[in-house]
């Protein structure tokens, strides 16, 4: 994965395709957010993605115990596979 500071956050993509970025990580004092560019396309059986826009979905974590690694890893893998998909 390629990593860069884009849109004021650490952002990841594949093959330098920043138009279809995969995931961004944003930190505030209260939480860390994982932002999925095509989050609306992801299967989320654990129900950890939030958002109602056309594309973006977010996971906000205020404590490491709030999130299991397995569902997050699954979402990252899906997002990479669906990087250029459209609705």
PDB file of N, CA and C in Angstrom:
ATOM      1  N   UNK A   1       0.840  -1.176   0.000  1.00  0.00           N
ATOM      2  CA  UNK A   1       0.000   0.000   0.000  1.00  0.00           C
ATOM      3  C   UNK A   1       0.885   1.239   0.000  1.00  0.00           C
ATOM      4  N   UNK A   2       0.414   2.264  -0.672  1.00  0.00           N
ATOM      5  CA  UNK A   2       1.093   3.553  -0.669  1.00  0.00           C
ATOM      6  C   UNK A   2       0.510   4.392   0.460  1.00  0.00           C
ATOM      7  N   UNK A   3       1.367   5.164   1.120  1.00  0.00           N
ATOM      8  CA  UNK A   3       0.957   5.991   2.248  1.00  0.00           C
ATOM      9  C   UNK A   3       1.379   7.432   2.012  1.00  0.00           C
ATOM     10  N   UNK A   4       0.503   8.372   2.337  1.00  0.00           N
ATOM     11  CA  UNK A   4       0.822   9.793   2.212  1.00  0.00           C
ATOM     12  C   UNK A   4      -0.124  10.595   3.097  1.00  0.00           C
ATOM     13  N   UNK A   5       0.266  11.818   3.374  1.00  0.00           N
ATOM     14  CA  UNK A   5      -0.636  12.737   4.061  1.00  0.00           C
ATOM     15  C   UNK A   5      -1.494  13.388   2.974  1.00  0.00           C
ATOM     16  N   UNK A   6      -2.759  13.059   2.968  1.00  0.00           N
ATOM     17  CA  UNK A   6      -3.731  13.615   2.023  1.00  0.00           C
ATOM     18  C   UNK A   6      -4.959  14.030   2.822  1.00  0.00           C
ATOM     19  N   UNK A   7      -5.526  15.162   2.478  1.00  0.00           N
ATOM     20  CA  UNK A   7      -6.733  15.643   3.137  1.00  0.00           C
ATOM     21  C   UNK A   7      -6.547  15.738   4.658  1.00  0.00           C
ATOM     22  N   UNK A   8      -5.358  16.149   5.064  1.00  0.00           N
ATOM     23  CA  UNK A   8      -5.005  16.338   6.481  1.00  0.00           C
ATOM     24  C   UNK A   8      -5.049  15.060   7.309  1.00  0.00           C
ATOM     25  N   UNK A   9      -4.812  13.933   6.690  1.00  0.00           N
ATOM     26  CA  UNK A   9      -4.770  12.668   7.422  1.00  0.00           C
ATOM     27  C   UNK A   9      -3.822  11.703   6.724  1.00  0.00           C
ATOM     28  N   UNK A  10      -3.366  10.711   7.452  1.00  0.00           N
ATOM     29  CA  UNK A  10      -2.578   9.638   6.849  1.00  0.00           C
ATOM     30  C   UNK A  10      -3.541   8.840   5.993  1.00  0.00           C
ATOM     31  N   UNK A  11      -3.206   8.659   4.722  1.00  0.00           N
ATOM     32  CA  UNK A  11      -4.113   8.028   3.770  1.00  0.00           C
ATOM     33  C   UNK A  11      -3.387   6.921   3.026  1.00  0.00           C
ATOM     34  N   UNK A  12      -4.120   5.870   2.700  1.00  0.00           N
ATOM     35  CA  UNK A  12      -3.547   4.706   2.024  1.00  0.00           C
ATOM     36  C   UNK A  12      -4.278   4.437   0.714  1.00  0.00           C
ATOM     37  N   UNK A  13      -3.508   3.989  -0.261  1.00  0.00           N
ATOM     38  CA  UNK A  13      -4.061   3.588  -1.545  1.00  0.00           C
ATOM     39  C   UNK A  13      -3.189   2.486  -2.131  1.00  0.00           C
ATOM     40  N   UNK A  14      -3.559   1.996  -3.280  1.00  0.00           N
ATOM     41  CA  UNK A  14      -2.749   1.017  -4.004  1.00  0.00           C
ATOM     42  C   UNK A  14      -2.302   1.617  -5.329  1.00  0.00           C
ATOM     43  N   UNK A  15      -1.095   1.326  -5.719  1.00  0.00           N
ATOM     44  CA  UNK A  15      -0.552   1.719  -7.027  1.00  0.00           C
ATOM     45  C   UNK A  15      -0.641   3.224  -7.295  1.00  0.00           C
ATOM     46  N   UNK A  16      -0.528   4.029  -6.248  1.00  0.00           N
ATOM     47  CA  UNK A  16      -0.538   5.478  -6.418  1.00  0.00           C
ATOM     48  C   UNK A  16      -1.864   6.060  -6.882  1.00  0.00           C
ATOM     49  N   UNK A  17      -2.939   5.304  -6.779  1.00  0.00           N
ATOM     50  CA  UNK A  17      -4.251   5.759  -7.244  1.00  0.00           C
ATOM     51  C   UNK A  17      -4.942   6.565  -6.151  1.00  0.00           C
ATOM     52  N   UNK A  18      -4.602   7.857  -6.052  1.00  0.00           N
ATOM     53  CA  UNK A  18      -5.162   8.700  -4.999  1.00  0.00           C
ATOM     54  C   UNK A  18      -6.584   9.145  -5.297  1.00  0.00           C
ATOM     55  N   UNK A  19      -7.020   9.008  -6.530  1.00  0.00           N
ATOM     56  CA  UNK A  19      -8.419   9.319  -6.845  1.00  0.00           C
ATOM     57  C   UNK A  19      -9.350   8.300  -6.182  1.00  0.00           C
ATOM     58  N   UNK A  20      -8.876   7.067  -6.094  1.00  0.00           N
ATOM     59  CA  UNK A  20      -9.637   5.983  -5.461  1.00  0.00           C
ATOM     60  C   UNK A  20      -8.861   5.485  -4.245  1.00  0.00           C
ATOM     61  N   UNK A  21      -8.651   6.373  -3.266  1.00  0.00           N
ATOM     62  CA  UNK A  21      -7.918   5.963  -2.069  1.00  0.00           C
ATOM     63  C   UNK A  21      -8.733   4.949  -1.283  1.00  0.00           C
ATOM     64  N   UNK A  22      -8.066   4.209  -0.421  1.00  0.00           N
ATOM     65  CA  UNK A  22      -8.701   3.101   0.282  1.00  0.00           C
ATOM     66  C   UNK A  22      -9.167   3.488   1.680  1.00  0.00           C
ATOM     67  N   UNK A  23      -8.237   3.988   2.479  1.00  0.00           N
ATOM     68  CA  UNK A  23      -8.543   4.255   3.881  1.00  0.00           C
ATOM     69  C   UNK A  23      -7.682   5.408   4.382  1.00  0.00           C
ATOM     70  N   UNK A  24      -8.250   6.205   5.255  1.00  0.00           N
ATOM     71  CA  UNK A  24      -7.499   7.260   5.921  1.00  0.00           C
ATOM     72  C   UNK A  24      -7.614   7.092   7.422  1.00  0.00           C
ATOM     73  N   UNK A  25      -6.617   7.585   8.136  1.00  0.00           N
ATOM     74  CA  UNK A  25      -6.623   7.517   9.595  1.00  0.00           C
ATOM     75  C   UNK A  25      -6.461   8.933  10.116  1.00  0.00           C
ATOM     76  N   UNK A  26      -7.376   9.313  10.985  1.00  0.00           N
ATOM     77  CA  UNK A  26      -7.390  10.664  11.518  1.00  0.00           C
ATOM     78  C   UNK A  26      -7.430  10.581  13.043  1.00  0.00           C
ATOM     79  N   UNK A  27      -6.605  11.389  13.699  1.00  0.00           N
ATOM     80  CA  UNK A  27      -6.536  11.365  15.161  1.00  0.00           C
ATOM     81  C   UNK A  27      -7.016  12.697  15.730  1.00  0.00           C
ATOM     82  N   UNK A  28      -7.834  12.617  16.752  1.00  0.00           N
ATOM     83  CA  UNK A  28      -8.221  13.797  17.526  1.00  0.00           C
ATOM     84  C   UNK A  28      -7.882  13.498  18.984  1.00  0.00           C
ATOM     85  N   UNK A  29      -8.180  14.414  19.860  1.00  0.00           N
ATOM     86  CA  UNK A  29      -7.920  14.176  21.290  1.00  0.00           C
ATOM     87  C   UNK A  29      -8.782  13.065  21.863  1.00  0.00           C
ATOM     88  N   UNK A  30      -9.960  12.885  21.294  1.00  0.00           N
ATOM     89  CA  UNK A  30     -10.913  11.938  21.875  1.00  0.00           C
ATOM     90  C   UNK A  30     -10.956  10.577  21.200  1.00  0.00           C
ATOM     91  N   UNK A  31     -10.544  10.500  19.935  1.00  0.00           N
ATOM     92  CA  UNK A  31     -10.663   9.225  19.231  1.00  0.00           C
ATOM     93  C   UNK A  31      -9.748   9.188  18.013  1.00  0.00           C
ATOM     94  N   UNK A  32      -9.673   7.995  17.437  1.00  0.00           N
ATOM     95  CA  UNK A  32      -9.013   7.771  16.155  1.00  0.00           C
ATOM     96  C   UNK A  32     -10.096   7.308  15.193  1.00  0.00           C
ATOM     97  N   UNK A  33     -10.125   7.888  14.014  1.00  0.00           N
ATOM     98  CA  UNK A  33     -11.106   7.492  12.995  1.00  0.00           C
ATOM     99  C   UNK A  33     -10.412   6.769  11.861  1.00  0.00           C
ATOM    100  N   UNK A  34     -11.036   5.706  11.420  1.00  0.00           N
ATOM    101  CA  UNK A  34     -10.654   5.017  10.192  1.00  0.00           C
ATOM    102  C   UNK A  34     -11.725   5.390   9.180  1.00  0.00           C
ATOM    103  N   UNK A  35     -11.323   6.058   8.103  1.00  0.00           N
ATOM    104  CA  UNK A  35     -12.274   6.534   7.104  1.00  0.00           C
ATOM    105  C   UNK A  35     -12.089   5.710   5.836  1.00  0.00           C
ATOM    106  N   UNK A  36     -13.156   5.063   5.398  1.00  0.00           N
ATOM    107  CA  UNK A  36     -13.106   4.238   4.192  1.00  0.00           C
ATOM    108  C   UNK A  36     -13.768   4.988   3.049  1.00  0.00           C
ATOM    109  N   UNK A  37     -12.996   5.239   1.986  1.00  0.00           N
ATOM    110  CA  UNK A  37     -13.479   5.999   0.833  1.00  0.00           C
ATOM    111  C   UNK A  37     -14.695   5.340   0.192  1.00  0.00           C
ATOM    112  N   UNK A  38     -14.654   4.055   0.003  1.00  0.00           N
ATOM    113  CA  UNK A  38     -15.779   3.322  -0.601  1.00  0.00           C
ATOM    114  C   UNK A  38     -16.486   2.462   0.449  1.00  0.00           C
ATOM    115  N   UNK A  39     -16.590   2.993   1.653  1.00  0.00           N
ATOM    116  CA  UNK A  39     -17.169   2.253   2.764  1.00  0.00           C
ATOM    117  C   UNK A  39     -18.592   1.777   2.537  1.00  0.00           C
ATOM    118  N   UNK A  40     -19.348   2.491   1.724  1.00  0.00           N
ATOM    119  CA  UNK A  40     -20.731   2.091   1.444  1.00  0.00           C
ATOM    120  C   UNK A  40     -20.800   0.769   0.682  1.00  0.00           C
ATOM    121  N   UNK A  41     -19.708   0.373   0.049  1.00  0.00           N
ATOM    122  CA  UNK A  41     -19.678  -0.872  -0.714  1.00  0.00           C
ATOM    123  C   UNK A  41     -19.242  -2.078   0.120  1.00  0.00           C
ATOM    124  N   UNK A  42     -18.831  -1.837   1.362  1.00  0.00           N
ATOM    125  CA  UNK A  42     -18.245  -2.909   2.165  1.00  0.00           C
ATOM    126  C   UNK A  42     -19.293  -3.684   2.945  1.00  0.00           C
ATOM    127  N   UNK A  43     -19.079  -4.989   3.042  1.00  0.00           N
ATOM    128  CA  UNK A  43     -19.914  -5.858   3.853  1.00  0.00           C
ATOM    129  C   UNK A  43     -19.447  -5.705   5.302  1.00  0.00           C
ATOM    130  N   UNK A  44     -20.335  -5.332   6.200  1.00  0.00           N
ATOM    131  CA  UNK A  44     -19.985  -5.022   7.583  1.00  0.00           C
ATOM    132  C   UNK A  44     -20.864  -5.799   8.555  1.00  0.00           C
ATOM    133  N   UNK A  45     -20.666  -7.133   8.656  1.00  0.00           N
ATOM    134  CA  UNK A  45     -21.519  -7.918   9.544  1.00  0.00           C
ATOM    135  C   UNK A  45     -21.367  -7.537  11.019  1.00  0.00           C
ATOM    136  N   UNK A  46     -20.230  -6.983  11.415  1.00  0.00           N
ATOM    137  CA  UNK A  46     -20.022  -6.585  12.810  1.00  0.00           C
ATOM    138  C   UNK A  46     -20.706  -5.253  13.131  1.00  0.00           C
ATOM    139  N   UNK A  47     -21.144  -4.529  12.095  1.00  0.00           N
ATOM    140  CA  UNK A  47     -21.848  -3.268  12.300  1.00  0.00           C
ATOM    141  C   UNK A  47     -20.986  -2.156  12.883  1.00  0.00           C
ATOM    142  N   UNK A  48     -19.714  -2.109  12.494  1.00  0.00           N
ATOM    143  CA  UNK A  48     -18.815  -1.106  13.071  1.00  0.00           C
ATOM    144  C   UNK A  48     -18.644   0.137  12.199  1.00  0.00           C
ATOM    145  N   UNK A  49     -19.111   0.089  10.960  1.00  0.00           N
ATOM    146  CA  UNK A  49     -19.017   1.255  10.076  1.00  0.00           C
ATOM    147  C   UNK A  49     -20.195   2.199  10.321  1.00  0.00           C
ATOM    148  N   UNK A  50     -19.901   3.500  10.283  1.00  0.00           N
ATOM    149  CA  UNK A  50     -20.948   4.501  10.493  1.00  0.00           C
ATOM    150  C   UNK A  50     -20.896   5.534   9.382  1.00  0.00           C
ATOM    151  N   UNK A  51     -22.040   6.061   9.033  1.00  0.00           N
ATOM    152  CA  UNK A  51     -22.139   7.085   8.014  1.00  0.00           C
ATOM    153  C   UNK A  51     -23.308   6.818   7.098  1.00  0.00           C
ATOM    154  N   UNK A  52     -23.803   7.887   6.477  1.00  0.00           N
ATOM    155  CA  UNK A  52     -24.962   7.747   5.607  1.00  0.00           C
ATOM    156  C   UNK A  52     -24.767   8.412   4.258  1.00  0.00           C
ATOM    157  N   UNK A  53     -23.579   8.908   3.978  1.00  0.00           N
ATOM    158  CA  UNK A  53     -23.315   9.542   2.698  1.00  0.00           C
ATOM    159  C   UNK A  53     -23.254   8.524   1.575  1.00  0.00           C
ATOM    160  N   UNK A  54     -23.010   9.005   0.386  1.00  0.00           N
ATOM    161  CA  UNK A  54     -22.975   8.115  -0.771  1.00  0.00           C
ATOM    162  C   UNK A  54     -21.813   7.123  -0.703  1.00  0.00           C
ATOM    163  N   UNK A  55     -20.653   7.543  -0.177  1.00  0.00           N
ATOM    164  CA  UNK A  55     -19.459   6.684  -0.227  1.00  0.00           C
ATOM    165  C   UNK A  55     -18.807   6.433   1.125  1.00  0.00           C
ATOM    166  N   UNK A  56     -18.470   7.493   1.841  1.00  0.00           N
ATOM    167  CA  UNK A  56     -17.638   7.373   3.038  1.00  0.00           C
ATOM    168  C   UNK A  56     -18.341   6.657   4.183  1.00  0.00           C
ATOM    169  N   UNK A  57     -17.555   5.823   4.873  1.00  0.00           N
ATOM    170  CA  UNK A  57     -17.991   5.216   6.125  1.00  0.00           C
ATOM    171  C   UNK A  57     -16.816   5.320   7.085  1.00  0.00           C
ATOM    172  N   UNK A  58     -17.128   5.456   8.367  1.00  0.00           N
ATOM    173  CA  UNK A  58     -16.115   5.726   9.374  1.00  0.00           C
ATOM    174  C   UNK A  58     -16.261   4.792  10.565  1.00  0.00           C
ATOM    175  N   UNK A  59     -15.128   4.483  11.167  1.00  0.00           N
ATOM    176  CA  UNK A  59     -15.083   3.792  12.452  1.00  0.00           C
ATOM    177  C   UNK A  59     -14.362   4.732  13.403  1.00  0.00           C
ATOM    178  N   UNK A  60     -14.985   5.078  14.516  1.00  0.00           N
ATOM    179  CA  UNK A  60     -14.339   5.910  15.537  1.00  0.00           C
ATOM    180  C   UNK A  60     -14.001   5.036  16.735  1.00  0.00           C
ATOM    181  N   UNK A  61     -12.749   5.104  17.147  1.00  0.00           N
ATOM    182  CA  UNK A  61     -12.263   4.289  18.254  1.00  0.00           C
ATOM    183  C   UNK A  61     -11.702   5.216  19.330  1.00  0.00           C
ATOM    184  N   UNK A  62     -12.281   5.143  20.528  1.00  0.00           N
ATOM    185  CA  UNK A  62     -11.765   5.957  21.625  1.00  0.00           C
ATOM    186  C   UNK A  62     -10.948   5.130  22.612  1.00  0.00           C
ATOM    187  N   UNK A  63     -11.065   3.827  22.517  1.00  0.00           N
ATOM    188  CA  UNK A  63     -10.314   2.920  23.375  1.00  0.00           C
ATOM    189  C   UNK A  63      -9.993   1.683  22.547  1.00  0.00           C
ATOM    190  N   UNK A  64      -8.781   1.196  22.659  1.00  0.00           N
ATOM    191  CA  UNK A  64      -8.369   0.031  21.881  1.00  0.00           C
ATOM    192  C   UNK A  64      -9.311  -1.151  22.086  1.00  0.00           C
ATOM    193  N   UNK A  65      -9.899  -1.266  23.256  1.00  0.00           N
ATOM    194  CA  UNK A  65     -10.821  -2.362  23.547  1.00  0.00           C
ATOM    195  C   UNK A  65     -12.138  -2.225  22.778  1.00  0.00           C
ATOM    196  N   UNK A  66     -12.375  -1.048  22.174  1.00  0.00           N
ATOM    197  CA  UNK A  66     -13.624  -0.814  21.450  1.00  0.00           C
ATOM    198  C   UNK A  66     -13.705  -1.544  20.111  1.00  0.00           C
ATOM    199  N   UNK A  67     -12.579  -2.029  19.611  1.00  0.00           N
ATOM    200  CA  UNK A  67     -12.602  -2.624  18.271  1.00  0.00           C
ATOM    201  C   UNK A  67     -11.747  -3.879  18.227  1.00  0.00           C
ATOM    202  N   UNK A  68     -12.278  -4.881  17.578  1.00  0.00           N
ATOM    203  CA  UNK A  68     -11.532  -6.119  17.367  1.00  0.00           C
ATOM    204  C   UNK A  68     -10.742  -6.008  16.070  1.00  0.00           C
ATOM    205  N   UNK A  69      -9.562  -6.541  16.059  1.00  0.00           N
ATOM    206  CA  UNK A  69      -8.695  -6.452  14.876  1.00  0.00           C
ATOM    207  C   UNK A  69      -9.293  -7.183  13.678  1.00  0.00           C
ATOM    208  N   UNK A  70      -9.940  -8.306  13.899  1.00  0.00           N
ATOM    209  CA  UNK A  70     -10.446  -9.109  12.792  1.00  0.00           C
ATOM    210  C   UNK A  70     -11.450  -8.369  11.911  1.00  0.00           C
ATOM    211  N   UNK A  71     -12.504  -7.729  12.462  1.00  0.00           N
ATOM    212  CA  UNK A  71     -13.430  -6.994  11.588  1.00  0.00           C
ATOM    213  C   UNK A  71     -12.748  -5.838  10.859  1.00  0.00           C
ATOM    214  N   UNK A  72     -11.835  -5.135  11.525  1.00  0.00           N
ATOM    215  CA  UNK A  72     -11.129  -4.033  10.878  1.00  0.00           C
ATOM    216  C   UNK A  72     -10.242  -4.546   9.753  1.00  0.00           C
ATOM    217  N   UNK A  73      -9.527  -5.631   9.997  1.00  0.00           N
ATOM    218  CA  UNK A  73      -8.693  -6.232   8.944  1.00  0.00           C
ATOM    219  C   UNK A  73      -9.541  -6.657   7.751  1.00  0.00           C
ATOM    220  N   UNK A  74     -10.687  -7.246   8.011  1.00  0.00           N
ATOM    221  CA  UNK A  74     -11.591  -7.672   6.945  1.00  0.00           C
ATOM    222  C   UNK A  74     -12.042  -6.478   6.107  1.00  0.00           C
ATOM    223  N   UNK A  75     -12.392  -5.363   6.755  1.00  0.00           N
ATOM    224  CA  UNK A  75     -12.831  -4.174   6.030  1.00  0.00           C
ATOM    225  C   UNK A  75     -11.703  -3.592   5.179  1.00  0.00           C
ATOM    226  N   UNK A  76     -10.494  -3.586   5.695  1.00  0.00           N
ATOM    227  CA  UNK A  76      -9.353  -3.076   4.923  1.00  0.00           C
ATOM    228  C   UNK A  76      -9.115  -3.939   3.696  1.00  0.00           C
ATOM    229  N   UNK A  77      -9.184  -5.241   3.847  1.00  0.00           N
ATOM    230  CA  UNK A  77      -9.006  -6.149   2.698  1.00  0.00           C
ATOM    231  C   UNK A  77     -10.105  -5.935   1.652  1.00  0.00           C
ATOM    232  N   UNK A  78     -11.345  -5.841   2.110  1.00  0.00           N
ATOM    233  CA  UNK A  78     -12.453  -5.583   1.176  1.00  0.00           C
ATOM    234  C   UNK A  78     -12.264  -4.262   0.445  1.00  0.00           C
ATOM    235  N   UNK A  79     -11.883  -3.228   1.192  1.00  0.00           N
ATOM    236  CA  UNK A  79     -11.701  -1.906   0.597  1.00  0.00           C
ATOM    237  C   UNK A  79     -10.630  -1.934  -0.484  1.00  0.00           C
ATOM    238  N   UNK A  80      -9.566  -2.686  -0.267  1.00  0.00           N
ATOM    239  CA  UNK A  80      -8.521  -2.793  -1.280  1.00  0.00           C
ATOM    240  C   UNK A  80      -9.048  -3.488  -2.533  1.00  0.00           C
ATOM    241  N   UNK A  81      -9.862  -4.520  -2.353  1.00  0.00           N
ATOM    242  CA  UNK A  81     -10.423  -5.239  -3.493  1.00  0.00           C
ATOM    243  C   UNK A  81     -11.440  -4.403  -4.268  1.00  0.00           C
ATOM    244  N   UNK A  82     -12.127  -3.504  -3.582  1.00  0.00           N
ATOM    245  CA  UNK A  82     -13.176  -2.691  -4.199  1.00  0.00           C
ATOM    246  C   UNK A  82     -12.703  -1.272  -4.506  1.00  0.00           C
ATOM    247  N   UNK A  83     -11.406  -1.070  -4.540  1.00  0.00           N
ATOM    248  CA  UNK A  83     -10.830   0.261  -4.650  1.00  0.00           C
ATOM    249  C   UNK A  83     -11.432   1.107  -5.780  1.00  0.00           C
ATOM    250  N   UNK A  84     -11.653   0.525  -6.936  1.00  0.00           N
ATOM    251  CA  UNK A  84     -12.131   1.313  -8.074  1.00  0.00           C
ATOM    252  C   UNK A  84     -13.594   1.037  -8.431  1.00  0.00           C
ATOM    253  N   UNK A  85     -14.281   0.263  -7.597  1.00  0.00           N
ATOM    254  CA  UNK A  85     -15.697  -0.031  -7.879  1.00  0.00           C
ATOM    255  C   UNK A  85     -16.549   1.219  -7.700  1.00  0.00           C
ATOM    256  N   UNK A  86     -17.614   1.255  -8.427  1.00  0.00           N
ATOM    257  CA  UNK A  86     -18.595   2.333  -8.302  1.00  0.00           C
ATOM    258  C   UNK A  86     -19.947   1.686  -8.032  1.00  0.00           C
ATOM    259  N   UNK A  87     -20.873   2.451  -7.479  1.00  0.00           N
ATOM    260  CA  UNK A  87     -22.226   1.932  -7.215  1.00  0.00           C
ATOM    261  C   UNK A  87     -22.982   1.767  -8.506  1.00  0.00           C
TER     262      UNK A  87
END
